[in-house]
Amino acid sequence: MNNPEQRVLDKQTQHLLDAALAAQKNSYSPYSNFKVGAAILANDNTTYHGCNVENASYPLGQCAEAGAISSMVASGATKIEQVLIASPNNAFCPPCGGCRQKIKEFASESTLVHMATQDGQIKTVPFKDLLPLAFEL
């Protein structure tokens, strides 16, 4: 499961991919033109999605994962079961460092993180592989 490959997706992962790709189309990225979509399956069995939203002052932009997490929290869900990030090109787009920490707040070490490329490859890793020494209080 850790090797990138083109594969037939299970129904749940396909649903996350579809939601992330739909959100990706709404990305507001006039500065980088790097359109990212993300979708989260939460503990309430609902899918939440987000896209990156840029700002002329780059640090004030928001990543797709952060948008999906905000939507999840605003709806009252408290745990990320799976997350999928849709890349705008043929390279995998893992969460940035800040988003890894945001995901950590709501995920377990075994939460699956799927990364999808434009050409149909999917790489899946457990969250612990992305942030092995996470900051915790």
Protein backbone atom coordinates (compact mmCIF):
# COMPACT_ATOMS: atom_id res chain seq x y z
CA MET A 1 0.00 0.00 0.00
CA ASN A 2 2.97 2.39 0.37
CA ASN A 3 4.05 2.11 -3.27
CA PRO A 4 2.59 4.60 -5.72
CA GLU A 5 0.54 2.81 -8.29
CA GLN A 6 -2.41 3.09 -10.56
CA ARG A 7 -5.07 0.90 -9.04
CA VAL A 8 -8.76 0.30 -8.80
CA LEU A 9 -9.92 2.30 -5.81
CA ASP A 10 -12.32 1.06 -3.18
CA LYS A 11 -15.63 2.93 -3.03
CA GLN A 12 -14.63 5.08 -0.04
CA THR A 13 -11.30 6.21 -1.51
CA GLN A 14 -12.96 6.92 -4.87
CA HIS A 15 -15.55 9.07 -3.07
CA LEU A 16 -12.75 11.03 -1.36
CA LEU A 17 -10.95 11.45 -4.68
CA ASP A 18 -14.11 12.71 -6.38
CA ALA A 19 -14.72 15.21 -3.56
CA ALA A 20 -11.11 16.44 -3.60
CA LEU A 21 -11.15 16.85 -7.38
CA ALA A 22 -14.43 18.79 -7.23
CA ALA A 23 -12.99 21.11 -4.57
CA GLN A 24 -9.75 21.47 -6.54
CA LYS A 25 -11.72 23.02 -9.43
CA ASN A 26 -12.71 25.87 -7.09
CA SER A 27 -9.17 26.62 -5.94
CA TYR A 28 -8.35 30.30 -5.79
CA SER A 29 -4.71 30.24 -6.86
CA PRO A 30 -4.06 33.18 -9.22
CA TYR A 31 -0.47 33.62 -8.02
CA SER A 32 0.91 30.09 -8.19
CA ASN A 33 -1.73 28.41 -10.38
CA PHE A 34 -1.08 25.38 -8.12
CA LYS A 35 -4.61 24.11 -7.57
CA VAL A 36 -4.97 21.62 -4.69
CA GLY A 37 -8.06 19.85 -3.42
CA ALA A 38 -8.47 17.85 -0.23
CA ALA A 39 -11.19 15.67 1.22
CA ILE A 40 -11.57 14.22 4.70
CA LEU A 41 -13.63 11.28 5.86
CA ALA A 42 -14.56 12.14 9.44
CA ASN A 43 -15.80 10.11 12.38
CA ASP A 44 -19.38 11.17 11.61
CA ASN A 45 -19.04 9.31 8.27
CA THR A 46 -19.30 12.61 6.40
CA THR A 47 -16.88 13.81 3.75
CA TYR A 48 -15.57 17.35 4.12
CA HIS A 49 -13.55 19.05 1.41
CA GLY A 50 -11.50 22.14 0.81
CA CYS A 51 -9.29 23.84 -1.73
CA ASN A 52 -6.33 26.15 -1.41
CA VAL A 53 -7.11 29.86 -1.26
CA GLU A 54 -4.22 32.18 -2.00
CA ASN A 55 -3.75 35.80 -1.06
CA ALA A 56 -1.42 38.45 -2.49
CA SER A 57 0.36 38.26 0.87
CA TYR A 58 1.42 34.60 0.57
CA PRO A 59 1.54 33.74 4.28
CA LEU A 60 -2.15 34.63 4.58
CA GLY A 61 -3.30 31.95 2.16
CA GLN A 62 -4.93 28.71 3.25
CA CYS A 63 -4.12 25.16 2.22
CA ALA A 64 -6.77 22.76 0.96
CA GLU A 65 -6.32 20.47 3.98
CA ALA A 66 -6.83 23.39 6.38
CA GLY A 67 -10.06 24.32 4.62
CA ALA A 68 -11.37 20.76 4.84
CA ILE A 69 -10.44 20.58 8.53
CA SER A 70 -12.21 23.88 9.22
CA SER A 71 -15.34 22.60 7.51
CA MET A 72 -15.18 19.38 9.53
CA VAL A 73 -14.78 21.19 12.86
CA ALA A 74 -17.50 23.74 12.03
CA SER A 75 -19.87 20.84 11.42
CA GLY A 76 -19.07 19.25 14.78
CA ALA A 77 -16.97 16.27 13.71
CA THR A 78 -13.92 15.59 15.85
CA LYS A 79 -11.78 12.94 14.19
CA ILE A 80 -10.18 12.41 10.79
CA GLU A 81 -10.50 8.82 9.61
CA GLN A 82 -8.88 9.36 6.18
CA VAL A 83 -7.64 12.27 4.13
CA LEU A 84 -6.95 12.57 0.39
CA ILE A 85 -4.95 15.33 -1.27
CA ALA A 86 -5.33 15.85 -5.02
CA SER A 87 -2.23 17.22 -6.74
CA PRO A 88 -2.51 19.58 -9.72
CA ASN A 89 0.20 17.68 -11.59
CA ASN A 90 1.84 14.26 -11.81
CA ALA A 91 3.85 14.62 -8.59
CA PHE A 92 2.51 13.59 -5.19
CA CYS A 93 1.49 16.55 -3.03
CA PRO A 94 1.93 15.66 0.63
CA PRO A 95 0.58 18.04 3.27
CA CYS A 96 2.89 20.91 4.19
CA GLY A 97 4.39 20.99 7.69
CA GLY A 98 1.66 23.25 9.06
CA CYS A 99 -1.09 21.03 7.68
CA ARG A 100 0.61 17.94 9.06
CA GLN A 101 0.34 19.47 12.51
CA LYS A 102 -3.29 20.49 11.86
CA ILE A 103 -4.12 16.94 10.76
CA LYS A 104 -2.35 15.62 13.87
CA GLU A 105 -4.87 17.41 16.10
CA PHE A 106 -7.68 15.25 14.71
CA ALA A 107 -6.00 12.07 13.45
CA SER A 108 -4.44 8.95 14.88
CA GLU A 109 -1.09 7.47 13.88
CA SER A 110 -2.92 4.98 11.67
CA THR A 111 -5.12 7.53 9.86
CA LEU A 112 -4.66 6.92 6.14
CA VAL A 113 -3.33 9.76 4.02
CA HIS A 114 -3.92 9.27 0.29
CA MET A 115 -2.07 11.42 -2.23
CA ALA A 116 -3.42 11.44 -5.78
CA THR A 117 -1.72 12.70 -8.92
CA GLN A 118 -3.35 14.08 -12.02
CA ASP A 119 -2.33 10.99 -13.99
CA GLY A 120 -4.19 8.64 -11.64
CA GLN A 121 -1.46 7.43 -9.28
CA ILE A 122 -2.33 7.06 -5.60
CA LYS A 123 0.14 6.77 -2.75
CA THR A 124 -1.24 5.86 0.67
CA VAL A 125 0.67 6.16 3.93
CA PRO A 126 -0.30 6.04 7.59
CA PHE A 127 -0.18 9.49 9.14
CA LYS A 128 2.66 8.49 11.50
CA ASP A 129 4.96 8.25 8.44
CA LEU A 130 4.35 11.93 7.62
CA LEU A 131 4.93 13.36 11.08
CA PRO A 132 6.89 10.90 13.21
CA LEU A 133 7.92 13.41 15.89
CA ALA A 134 4.74 15.45 16.11
CA PHE A 135 4.49 18.32 18.57
CA GLU A 136 2.17 17.44 21.43
CA LEU A 137 1.17 19.11 24.68
